[in-house]
N, C-alpha and C. Protein backbone atom coordinates (compact mmCIF):
# COMPACT_ATOMS: atom_id res chain seq x y z
N MET A 1 28.14 145.95 70.98
CA MET A 1 28.29 145.92 72.45
C MET A 1 29.65 145.37 72.85
N LYS A 2 30.19 144.42 72.11
CA LYS A 2 31.48 143.83 72.47
C LYS A 2 32.61 144.84 72.47
N PRO A 3 32.68 145.69 71.43
CA PRO A 3 33.75 146.68 71.45
C PRO A 3 33.72 147.57 72.69
N ILE A 4 32.52 147.92 73.16
CA ILE A 4 32.39 148.76 74.35
C ILE A 4 32.93 148.04 75.57
N LYS A 5 32.58 146.75 75.71
CA LYS A 5 33.09 145.96 76.83
C LYS A 5 34.60 145.85 76.78
N LEU A 6 35.13 145.67 75.57
CA LEU A 6 36.58 145.56 75.40
C LEU A 6 37.27 146.86 75.81
N SER A 7 36.69 147.96 75.44
CA SER A 7 37.25 149.27 75.78
C SER A 7 37.24 149.50 77.29
N ILE A 8 36.15 149.11 77.93
CA ILE A 8 36.07 149.26 79.38
C ILE A 8 37.10 148.37 80.06
N GLY A 9 37.30 147.18 79.54
CA GLY A 9 38.30 146.25 80.09
C GLY A 9 39.70 146.81 79.96
N ILE A 10 39.96 147.33 78.76
CA ILE A 10 41.30 147.91 78.52
C ILE A 10 41.52 149.12 79.43
N LEU A 11 40.47 149.92 79.56
CA LEU A 11 40.56 151.11 80.41
C LEU A 11 40.82 150.72 81.86
N SER A 12 40.13 149.69 82.30
CA SER A 12 40.31 149.23 83.68
C SER A 12 41.74 148.73 83.91
N ILE A 13 42.22 147.94 82.93
CA ILE A 13 43.59 147.41 83.04
C ILE A 13 44.61 148.56 83.02
N THR A 14 44.35 149.53 82.15
CA THR A 14 45.25 150.69 82.05
C THR A 14 45.29 151.47 83.35
N LEU A 15 44.11 151.74 83.92
CA LEU A 15 44.04 152.46 85.18
C LEU A 15 44.74 151.69 86.30
N LEU A 16 44.51 150.38 86.32
CA LEU A 16 45.13 149.53 87.33
C LEU A 16 46.65 149.55 87.19
N THR A 17 47.11 149.50 85.93
CA THR A 17 48.56 149.54 85.66
C THR A 17 49.17 150.85 86.15
N PHE A 18 48.48 151.95 85.82
CA PHE A 18 48.98 153.27 86.27
C PHE A 18 48.97 153.37 87.79
N ALA A 19 47.97 152.80 88.41
CA ALA A 19 47.89 152.84 89.88
C ALA A 19 49.05 152.07 90.49
N ILE A 20 49.35 150.90 89.91
CA ILE A 20 50.46 150.09 90.42
C ILE A 20 51.79 150.82 90.21
N LEU A 21 51.97 151.36 88.97
CA LEU A 21 53.20 152.09 88.67
C LEU A 21 53.36 153.32 89.57
N GLY A 22 52.23 154.01 89.80
CA GLY A 22 52.28 155.19 90.66
C GLY A 22 52.68 154.83 92.08
N THR A 23 52.07 153.76 92.58
CA THR A 23 52.40 153.31 93.94
C THR A 23 53.87 152.90 94.03
N PHE A 24 54.33 152.17 93.02
CA PHE A 24 55.73 151.70 93.00
C PHE A 24 56.69 152.90 92.94
N THR A 25 56.36 153.86 92.07
CA THR A 25 57.22 155.04 91.93
C THR A 25 57.25 155.85 93.23
N GLY A 26 56.07 156.02 93.83
CA GLY A 26 56.00 156.77 95.09
C GLY A 26 56.80 156.10 96.18
N ASN A 27 56.65 154.79 96.28
CA ASN A 27 57.41 154.05 97.30
C ASN A 27 58.91 154.13 97.04
N SER A 28 59.29 154.08 95.76
CA SER A 28 60.72 154.14 95.41
C SER A 28 61.30 155.50 95.78
N VAL A 29 60.57 156.55 95.42
CA VAL A 29 61.04 157.91 95.75
C VAL A 29 61.13 158.10 97.25
N PHE A 30 60.11 157.64 97.95
CA PHE A 30 60.10 157.74 99.41
C PHE A 30 61.30 156.99 100.02
N SER A 31 61.56 155.79 99.50
CA SER A 31 62.69 154.99 100.01
C SER A 31 64.01 155.69 99.78
N VAL A 32 64.16 156.28 98.58
CA VAL A 32 65.39 157.00 98.25
C VAL A 32 65.58 158.19 99.19
N LEU A 33 64.50 158.95 99.41
CA LEU A 33 64.59 160.12 100.29
C LEU A 33 64.94 159.71 101.72
N VAL A 34 64.30 158.64 102.20
CA VAL A 34 64.58 158.16 103.56
C VAL A 34 66.02 157.67 103.67
N SER A 35 66.47 156.94 102.63
CA SER A 35 67.84 156.42 102.63
C SER A 35 68.85 157.57 102.60
N LYS A 36 68.57 158.59 101.78
CA LYS A 36 69.47 159.73 101.68
C LYS A 36 69.55 160.47 103.01
N SER A 37 68.39 160.67 103.64
CA SER A 37 68.35 161.35 104.93
C SER A 37 69.13 160.57 105.99
N SER A 38 68.93 159.25 105.98
CA SER A 38 69.62 158.39 106.94
C SER A 38 71.12 158.41 106.70
N LEU A 39 71.50 158.38 105.41
CA LEU A 39 72.93 158.39 105.05
C LEU A 39 73.57 159.71 105.47
N GLU A 40 72.89 160.82 105.20
CA GLU A 40 73.42 162.13 105.60
C GLU A 40 73.58 162.22 107.11
N LYS A 41 72.59 161.69 107.82
CA LYS A 41 72.65 161.72 109.28
C LYS A 41 73.84 160.91 109.79
N ASN A 42 74.05 159.74 109.19
CA ASN A 42 75.18 158.90 109.58
C ASN A 42 76.51 159.59 109.29
N TYR A 43 76.59 160.25 108.13
CA TYR A 43 77.81 160.99 107.77
C TYR A 43 78.08 162.11 108.77
N LEU A 44 77.03 162.83 109.15
CA LEU A 44 77.19 163.93 110.09
C LEU A 44 77.69 163.43 111.45
N VAL A 45 77.12 162.32 111.90
CA VAL A 45 77.56 161.74 113.18
C VAL A 45 79.00 161.28 113.08
N ASP A 46 79.32 160.64 111.96
CA ASP A 46 80.69 160.15 111.73
C ASP A 46 81.67 161.31 111.67
N ASN A 47 81.30 162.36 110.94
CA ASN A 47 82.17 163.53 110.80
C ASN A 47 82.36 164.26 112.13
N GLU A 48 81.29 164.32 112.93
CA GLU A 48 81.38 164.97 114.24
C GLU A 48 82.35 164.21 115.15
N PHE A 49 82.27 162.90 115.12
CA PHE A 49 83.18 162.08 115.92
C PHE A 49 84.62 162.28 115.47
N TYR A 50 84.82 162.34 114.16
CA TYR A 50 86.15 162.55 113.58
C TYR A 50 86.72 163.91 114.02
N ALA A 51 85.88 164.95 113.95
CA ALA A 51 86.32 166.29 114.35
C ALA A 51 86.65 166.34 115.83
N GLN A 52 85.84 165.69 116.66
CA GLN A 52 86.08 165.68 118.10
C GLN A 52 87.39 164.96 118.43
N LYS A 53 87.66 163.88 117.70
CA LYS A 53 88.89 163.13 117.92
C LYS A 53 90.11 163.97 117.57
N LEU A 54 90.05 164.67 116.43
CA LEU A 54 91.16 165.53 116.03
C LEU A 54 91.33 166.69 117.01
N ALA A 55 90.23 167.26 117.46
CA ALA A 55 90.29 168.37 118.41
C ALA A 55 90.93 167.93 119.72
N ALA A 56 90.56 166.75 120.20
CA ALA A 56 91.12 166.23 121.45
C ALA A 56 92.62 165.96 121.31
N THR A 57 93.01 165.41 120.16
CA THR A 57 94.42 165.13 119.90
C THR A 57 95.22 166.42 119.83
N THR A 58 94.67 167.42 119.15
CA THR A 58 95.35 168.71 119.02
C THR A 58 95.46 169.40 120.37
N ASP A 59 94.41 169.33 121.16
CA ASP A 59 94.42 169.92 122.50
C ASP A 59 95.49 169.26 123.36
N SER A 60 95.60 167.95 123.27
CA SER A 60 96.62 167.23 124.02
C SER A 60 98.02 167.65 123.58
N LEU A 61 98.19 167.90 122.28
CA LEU A 61 99.48 168.33 121.76
C LEU A 61 99.88 169.68 122.34
N PHE A 62 98.95 170.62 122.38
CA PHE A 62 99.26 171.94 122.93
C PHE A 62 99.59 171.88 124.42
N LYS A 63 98.92 171.00 125.12
CA LYS A 63 99.23 170.81 126.54
C LYS A 63 100.65 170.28 126.70
N SER A 64 101.04 169.36 125.81
CA SER A 64 102.40 168.81 125.85
C SER A 64 103.43 169.89 125.53
N MET A 65 103.09 170.79 124.61
CA MET A 65 104.00 171.89 124.28
C MET A 65 104.22 172.80 125.49
N LEU A 66 103.13 173.15 126.16
CA LEU A 66 103.24 174.00 127.35
C LEU A 66 104.03 173.30 128.45
N GLN A 67 103.79 172.02 128.61
CA GLN A 67 104.51 171.24 129.62
C GLN A 67 106.00 171.21 129.30
N ASN A 68 106.32 171.05 128.03
CA ASN A 68 107.72 171.05 127.60
C ASN A 68 108.39 172.37 127.91
N LEU A 69 107.73 173.48 127.60
CA LEU A 69 108.30 174.80 127.87
C LEU A 69 108.39 175.06 129.37
N ARG A 70 107.42 174.56 130.13
CA ARG A 70 107.46 174.73 131.59
C ARG A 70 108.71 174.09 132.16
N ILE A 71 109.01 172.88 131.72
CA ILE A 71 110.20 172.17 132.21
C ILE A 71 111.47 172.89 131.77
N GLU A 72 111.50 173.29 130.49
CA GLU A 72 112.70 173.94 129.95
C GLU A 72 112.92 175.32 130.56
N SER A 73 111.84 175.97 130.98
CA SER A 73 111.97 177.32 131.56
C SER A 73 112.74 177.30 132.89
N GLN A 74 112.91 176.12 133.46
CA GLN A 74 113.62 176.01 134.73
C GLN A 74 115.12 175.77 134.55
N GLU A 75 115.58 175.73 133.29
CA GLU A 75 117.01 175.54 133.02
C GLU A 75 117.80 176.74 133.54
N GLU A 76 118.82 176.46 134.33
CA GLU A 76 119.63 177.53 134.90
C GLU A 76 120.37 178.33 133.83
N GLU A 77 120.64 177.68 132.71
CA GLU A 77 121.36 178.37 131.64
C GLU A 77 120.60 179.60 131.12
N LEU A 78 119.27 179.57 131.24
CA LEU A 78 118.48 180.71 130.76
C LEU A 78 118.66 181.94 131.65
N LEU A 79 119.19 181.73 132.85
CA LEU A 79 119.35 182.83 133.80
C LEU A 79 120.72 183.49 133.69
N THR A 80 121.58 182.92 132.86
CA THR A 80 122.90 183.53 132.70
C THR A 80 122.78 184.74 131.78
N LYS A 81 123.82 185.54 131.78
CA LYS A 81 123.87 186.69 130.88
C LYS A 81 124.65 186.35 129.61
N ASN A 82 125.06 185.09 129.52
CA ASN A 82 125.86 184.65 128.39
C ASN A 82 124.95 184.23 127.23
N THR A 83 124.97 185.04 126.18
CA THR A 83 124.09 184.78 125.04
C THR A 83 124.38 183.44 124.38
N GLN A 84 125.66 183.08 124.28
CA GLN A 84 126.02 181.81 123.64
C GLN A 84 125.50 180.61 124.43
N THR A 85 125.56 180.72 125.76
CA THR A 85 125.03 179.65 126.60
C THR A 85 123.53 179.49 126.40
N ILE A 86 122.84 180.62 126.37
CA ILE A 86 121.39 180.60 126.16
C ILE A 86 121.07 180.07 124.76
N GLN A 87 121.88 180.50 123.79
CA GLN A 87 121.70 180.02 122.41
C GLN A 87 121.82 178.50 122.34
N HIS A 88 122.82 177.95 123.02
CA HIS A 88 123.02 176.50 123.04
C HIS A 88 121.82 175.80 123.67
N THR A 89 121.30 176.36 124.75
CA THR A 89 120.13 175.79 125.42
C THR A 89 118.92 175.79 124.50
N LEU A 90 118.71 176.89 123.77
CA LEU A 90 117.58 176.97 122.85
C LEU A 90 117.72 175.97 121.72
N ASN A 91 118.95 175.78 121.23
CA ASN A 91 119.18 174.78 120.18
C ASN A 91 118.79 173.38 120.67
N THR A 92 119.14 173.10 121.93
CA THR A 92 118.81 171.79 122.52
C THR A 92 117.30 171.61 122.62
N ILE A 93 116.61 172.66 123.05
CA ILE A 93 115.15 172.61 123.18
C ILE A 93 114.51 172.38 121.81
N LEU A 94 114.99 173.11 120.80
CA LEU A 94 114.42 173.01 119.46
C LEU A 94 114.61 171.62 118.87
N ASN A 95 115.78 171.05 119.08
CA ASN A 95 116.11 169.76 118.47
C ASN A 95 115.56 168.56 119.24
N ALA A 96 115.06 168.80 120.45
CA ALA A 96 114.58 167.70 121.29
C ALA A 96 113.22 167.18 120.83
N THR A 97 112.42 168.03 120.18
CA THR A 97 111.08 167.63 119.72
C THR A 97 110.81 168.25 118.35
N ARG A 98 109.65 167.91 117.81
CA ARG A 98 109.18 168.55 116.58
C ARG A 98 108.06 169.54 116.88
N PHE A 99 107.98 169.98 118.13
CA PHE A 99 106.91 170.89 118.53
C PHE A 99 106.99 172.22 117.77
N PHE A 100 108.19 172.78 117.72
CA PHE A 100 108.34 174.17 117.26
C PHE A 100 109.25 174.28 116.05
N ASN A 101 109.03 175.37 115.29
CA ASN A 101 109.91 175.68 114.17
C ASN A 101 111.03 176.61 114.60
N THR A 102 110.77 177.43 115.60
CA THR A 102 111.81 178.27 116.19
C THR A 102 111.55 178.37 117.69
N VAL A 103 112.61 178.63 118.44
CA VAL A 103 112.49 178.84 119.89
C VAL A 103 113.20 180.14 120.22
N TRP A 104 112.58 180.94 121.08
CA TRP A 104 113.11 182.26 121.43
C TRP A 104 113.20 182.38 122.95
N PHE A 105 114.14 183.19 123.40
CA PHE A 105 114.11 183.65 124.79
C PHE A 105 114.06 185.16 124.75
N ILE A 106 113.02 185.72 125.34
CA ILE A 106 112.79 187.16 125.33
C ILE A 106 112.80 187.65 126.78
N ASP A 107 113.54 188.72 127.03
CA ASP A 107 113.67 189.18 128.41
C ASP A 107 112.44 189.93 128.88
N GLU A 108 112.47 190.37 130.13
CA GLU A 108 111.29 190.99 130.74
C GLU A 108 110.91 192.32 130.11
N THR A 109 111.83 192.90 129.34
CA THR A 109 111.53 194.17 128.67
C THR A 109 111.00 193.95 127.25
N GLY A 110 110.97 192.70 126.81
CA GLY A 110 110.47 192.40 125.48
C GLY A 110 111.53 192.37 124.40
N HIS A 111 112.80 192.33 124.79
CA HIS A 111 113.88 192.29 123.81
C HIS A 111 114.39 190.85 123.64
N VAL A 112 114.76 190.53 122.41
CA VAL A 112 115.23 189.19 122.08
C VAL A 112 116.62 188.97 122.68
N VAL A 113 116.76 187.89 123.45
CA VAL A 113 118.06 187.53 124.01
C VAL A 113 118.77 186.56 123.07
N ALA A 114 118.03 185.55 122.57
CA ALA A 114 118.61 184.57 121.64
C ALA A 114 117.47 183.83 120.95
N THR A 115 117.80 183.23 119.81
CA THR A 115 116.82 182.45 119.06
C THR A 115 117.48 181.17 118.55
N ALA A 116 116.66 180.16 118.32
CA ALA A 116 117.13 178.93 117.68
C ALA A 116 116.12 178.56 116.60
N PRO A 117 116.53 178.42 115.35
CA PRO A 117 117.90 178.65 114.90
C PRO A 117 118.30 180.11 115.02
N HIS A 118 119.60 180.36 115.03
CA HIS A 118 120.11 181.72 115.20
C HIS A 118 119.66 182.61 114.05
N MET A 119 119.09 183.79 114.39
CA MET A 119 118.59 184.70 113.37
C MET A 119 119.17 186.10 113.49
N ASP A 120 120.18 186.25 114.35
CA ASP A 120 120.86 187.54 114.52
C ASP A 120 119.88 188.65 114.90
N LEU A 121 119.00 188.35 115.86
CA LEU A 121 118.00 189.33 116.31
C LEU A 121 118.24 189.80 117.74
N GLU A 122 119.38 189.43 118.31
CA GLU A 122 119.66 189.77 119.71
C GLU A 122 119.56 191.28 119.94
N GLY A 123 118.85 191.65 121.00
CA GLY A 123 118.70 193.05 121.37
C GLY A 123 117.54 193.75 120.70
N GLN A 124 116.96 193.14 119.69
CA GLN A 124 115.83 193.78 119.01
C GLN A 124 114.54 193.58 119.80
N LYS A 125 113.64 194.52 119.67
CA LYS A 125 112.34 194.45 120.34
C LYS A 125 111.46 193.43 119.63
N ALA A 126 110.90 192.52 120.41
CA ALA A 126 109.97 191.52 119.85
C ALA A 126 108.60 192.17 119.76
N ASN A 127 108.29 192.72 118.60
CA ASN A 127 107.07 193.53 118.47
C ASN A 127 105.97 192.88 117.64
N ARG A 128 106.10 191.57 117.35
CA ARG A 128 105.02 190.90 116.64
C ARG A 128 103.86 190.65 117.61
N ALA A 129 102.69 190.42 117.06
CA ALA A 129 101.47 190.34 117.86
C ALA A 129 101.56 189.30 118.98
N GLY A 130 102.05 188.10 118.66
CA GLY A 130 102.11 187.04 119.66
C GLY A 130 103.04 187.37 120.80
N ALA A 131 104.20 187.99 120.48
CA ALA A 131 105.17 188.36 121.52
C ALA A 131 104.62 189.48 122.39
N ARG A 132 103.96 190.44 121.78
CA ARG A 132 103.37 191.54 122.56
C ARG A 132 102.31 191.01 123.52
N GLU A 133 101.52 190.05 123.05
CA GLU A 133 100.48 189.46 123.89
C GLU A 133 101.10 188.73 125.08
N ALA A 134 102.16 187.96 124.84
CA ALA A 134 102.84 187.23 125.92
C ALA A 134 103.47 188.19 126.92
N LEU A 135 104.08 189.26 126.41
CA LEU A 135 104.72 190.24 127.28
C LEU A 135 103.70 190.98 128.14
N LYS A 136 102.56 191.27 127.56
CA LYS A 136 101.52 192.01 128.28
C LYS A 136 100.83 191.16 129.34
N LYS A 137 100.46 189.93 128.98
CA LYS A 137 99.67 189.10 129.89
C LYS A 137 100.50 188.41 130.96
N ARG A 138 101.75 188.07 130.63
CA ARG A 138 102.66 187.42 131.58
C ARG A 138 102.03 186.17 132.22
N VAL A 139 101.47 185.36 131.39
CA VAL A 139 100.93 184.06 131.82
C VAL A 139 101.31 183.04 130.75
N PRO A 140 101.35 181.74 131.09
CA PRO A 140 101.55 180.73 130.05
C PRO A 140 100.49 180.92 128.97
N LEU A 141 100.90 180.91 127.73
CA LEU A 141 100.00 181.40 126.69
C LEU A 141 100.15 180.63 125.37
N ILE A 142 99.01 180.41 124.72
CA ILE A 142 98.98 179.98 123.33
C ILE A 142 98.34 181.14 122.58
N SER A 143 99.10 181.78 121.72
CA SER A 143 98.63 183.01 121.08
C SER A 143 97.60 182.74 120.01
N GLU A 144 96.95 183.82 119.58
CA GLU A 144 96.10 183.76 118.40
C GLU A 144 97.01 183.65 117.17
N LEU A 145 96.44 183.21 116.06
CA LEU A 145 97.19 183.19 114.81
C LEU A 145 97.51 184.61 114.37
N TYR A 146 98.72 184.82 113.84
CA TYR A 146 99.06 186.11 113.27
C TYR A 146 100.02 185.90 112.11
N ALA A 147 100.15 186.91 111.25
CA ALA A 147 101.03 186.81 110.09
C ALA A 147 102.45 187.20 110.49
N GLY A 148 103.41 186.31 110.21
CA GLY A 148 104.80 186.59 110.52
C GLY A 148 105.42 187.51 109.49
N LEU A 149 106.72 187.79 109.64
CA LEU A 149 107.41 188.68 108.72
C LEU A 149 107.41 188.13 107.30
N ASN A 150 107.36 186.81 107.17
CA ASN A 150 107.36 186.18 105.84
C ASN A 150 105.94 186.01 105.29
N GLY A 151 104.95 186.49 106.04
CA GLY A 151 103.56 186.40 105.59
C GLY A 151 102.88 185.10 105.95
N HIS A 152 103.62 184.15 106.55
CA HIS A 152 103.04 182.87 106.94
C HIS A 152 102.29 183.00 108.26
N LEU A 153 101.29 182.15 108.44
CA LEU A 153 100.54 182.17 109.71
C LEU A 153 101.35 181.48 110.80
N ILE A 154 101.40 182.12 111.95
CA ILE A 154 102.23 181.65 113.06
C ILE A 154 101.43 181.67 114.36
N MET A 155 101.73 180.73 115.22
CA MET A 155 101.21 180.72 116.59
C MET A 155 102.41 180.66 117.53
N LEU A 156 102.26 181.28 118.69
CA LEU A 156 103.31 181.22 119.70
C LEU A 156 102.79 180.49 120.93
N VAL A 157 103.64 179.64 121.48
CA VAL A 157 103.38 179.01 122.77
C VAL A 157 104.47 179.51 123.70
N SER A 158 104.09 180.11 124.81
CA SER A 158 105.10 180.72 125.67
C SER A 158 104.91 180.34 127.14
N PHE A 159 106.03 180.37 127.85
CA PHE A 159 106.00 180.08 129.28
C PHE A 159 106.98 181.02 129.98
N LEU A 160 106.58 181.49 131.16
CA LEU A 160 107.39 182.47 131.89
C LEU A 160 108.65 181.84 132.48
N VAL A 161 109.68 182.66 132.57
CA VAL A 161 110.94 182.23 133.18
C VAL A 161 111.18 183.10 134.41
N TYR A 162 111.44 182.44 135.54
CA TYR A 162 111.70 183.15 136.79
C TYR A 162 113.11 182.83 137.28
N GLY A 163 113.75 183.86 137.82
CA GLY A 163 115.08 183.68 138.37
C GLY A 163 115.02 183.42 139.86
N GLU A 164 116.09 183.79 140.54
CA GLU A 164 116.14 183.59 141.99
C GLU A 164 115.09 184.44 142.69
N ASN A 165 114.56 183.90 143.77
CA ASN A 165 113.53 184.57 144.56
C ASN A 165 112.26 184.88 143.75
N GLY A 166 112.05 184.10 142.69
CA GLY A 166 110.82 184.25 141.92
C GLY A 166 110.75 185.51 141.09
N VAL A 167 111.90 186.10 140.76
CA VAL A 167 111.92 187.32 139.97
C VAL A 167 111.69 186.98 138.49
N TYR A 168 110.73 187.66 137.89
CA TYR A 168 110.41 187.43 136.48
C TYR A 168 111.54 187.94 135.60
N THR A 169 112.08 187.07 134.75
CA THR A 169 113.21 187.47 133.90
C THR A 169 112.89 187.44 132.41
N GLY A 170 111.71 186.97 132.04
CA GLY A 170 111.35 186.94 130.63
C GLY A 170 110.48 185.74 130.32
N PHE A 171 110.45 185.35 129.06
CA PHE A 171 109.65 184.18 128.71
C PHE A 171 110.30 183.40 127.57
N LEU A 172 110.04 182.10 127.63
CA LEU A 172 110.52 181.17 126.63
C LEU A 172 109.40 180.96 125.62
N VAL A 173 109.73 181.06 124.35
CA VAL A 173 108.70 181.02 123.31
C VAL A 173 109.03 179.96 122.27
N GLY A 174 108.03 179.17 121.92
CA GLY A 174 108.13 178.27 120.79
C GLY A 174 107.16 178.73 119.72
N SER A 175 107.64 178.96 118.52
CA SER A 175 106.76 179.40 117.44
C SER A 175 106.43 178.24 116.52
N ILE A 176 105.19 178.21 116.05
CA ILE A 176 104.70 177.16 115.15
C ILE A 176 104.28 177.82 113.85
N ASN A 177 105.00 177.49 112.79
CA ASN A 177 104.66 178.01 111.46
C ASN A 177 103.71 177.01 110.80
N LEU A 178 102.51 177.45 110.49
CA LEU A 178 101.50 176.55 109.95
C LEU A 178 101.82 176.06 108.55
N ASP A 179 102.82 176.68 107.91
CA ASP A 179 103.20 176.27 106.56
C ASP A 179 104.46 175.42 106.53
N GLU A 180 104.96 175.06 107.71
CA GLU A 180 106.17 174.25 107.78
C GLU A 180 105.89 172.95 108.54
N ASN A 181 106.87 172.05 108.49
CA ASN A 181 106.72 170.76 109.17
C ASN A 181 106.93 170.91 110.67
N ASN A 182 106.03 170.34 111.43
CA ASN A 182 106.13 170.33 112.89
C ASN A 182 105.11 169.31 113.41
N SER A 183 105.03 169.17 114.71
CA SER A 183 104.11 168.17 115.29
C SER A 183 102.65 168.46 114.94
N LEU A 184 102.31 169.74 114.89
CA LEU A 184 100.93 170.10 114.58
C LEU A 184 100.57 169.69 113.15
N SER A 185 101.47 169.97 112.21
CA SER A 185 101.19 169.57 110.82
C SER A 185 101.20 168.05 110.68
N ASP A 186 102.01 167.36 111.51
CA ASP A 186 102.01 165.90 111.48
C ASP A 186 100.62 165.35 111.82
N ILE A 187 100.02 165.91 112.86
CA ILE A 187 98.71 165.42 113.32
C ILE A 187 97.60 165.81 112.35
N LEU A 188 97.55 167.07 111.99
CA LEU A 188 96.45 167.55 111.15
C LEU A 188 96.63 167.15 109.69
N GLY A 189 97.86 166.82 109.31
CA GLY A 189 98.10 166.44 107.93
C GLY A 189 98.10 164.94 107.71
N GLU A 190 98.07 164.16 108.79
CA GLU A 190 98.14 162.71 108.68
C GLU A 190 96.88 162.13 108.06
N TYR A 191 95.73 162.69 108.43
CA TYR A 191 94.46 162.20 107.90
C TYR A 191 93.68 163.39 107.32
N PRO A 192 94.17 163.97 106.20
CA PRO A 192 93.48 165.13 105.64
C PRO A 192 92.07 164.84 105.16
N GLN A 193 91.83 163.56 104.78
CA GLN A 193 90.48 163.21 104.32
C GLN A 193 90.04 161.90 104.97
N HIS A 194 88.89 161.96 105.59
CA HIS A 194 88.34 160.79 106.26
C HIS A 194 87.68 159.88 105.23
N GLU A 195 87.53 158.60 105.59
CA GLU A 195 86.93 157.64 104.66
C GLU A 195 85.50 157.99 104.30
N SER A 196 84.86 158.80 105.13
CA SER A 196 83.48 159.20 104.85
C SER A 196 83.41 160.32 103.82
N GLY A 197 84.59 160.88 103.47
CA GLY A 197 84.59 161.98 102.50
C GLY A 197 84.82 163.32 103.14
N SER A 198 84.78 163.42 104.46
CA SER A 198 85.03 164.70 105.13
C SER A 198 86.53 164.99 105.11
N TYR A 199 86.86 166.24 105.11
CA TYR A 199 88.27 166.61 105.09
C TYR A 199 88.44 167.93 105.82
N MET A 200 89.74 168.28 106.12
CA MET A 200 89.99 169.53 106.80
C MET A 200 91.01 170.33 106.02
C-alpha cells in the first residue's frame, strides 16, 4: 500500500509542478506579447510625430523658396533685354541662398533667356516637364518630380515675372536637384535615422 501512496503523492506533486510552470509560461508569453504590442504602438506614435515634424519643416522650406522667388521676380534687371544683366541678377539670386542648384529666367514664349550657373542655353526652348507645366499654368508653382537631362530627379519652383502695366514677361525658376547639395538635402539628410530606428 505504501508504494501506491508514494506514487499518488509524486503524481500530485508532478501535476502541481506542471500547473505552476504552465501558468508561469502563459503569463510570461502574455507579458511579452503585451509588451511587444505596447512597444510597437509607441514606436508608431513616435515615428508619426517625427514624420509630421519633417513634413512641416519641408513645407516651410518650400514656402520660403516661393517667397524668395516672389521678391526676386520684382527685380527691374529681369525686365531688361540685356542678357548679361539678367545673367548677373540670376547669379546673385543663386548665391544668396542654398535653395536652388540652378536658377533660370524663361520668357513668356518658353525660351531660355539666361541661367545661373551659365549653361549656354540662351534662346533654346525650355521643354522639360517642369518648365512646360510652369509655362502652361502660369501660376506660382512647385512642380512634380521629373528626370533631368542627366537622369537625376529634379523639382522646379517657379514664380511669374510681370513688367510694366502688369504685362506677363516670363517666369523665374529655381531648380532643385535631389542628388546634389541644397537646402532640401540639408533638412532631409540631417536626421536620416531617428533614435527609434525609423529612417527616410
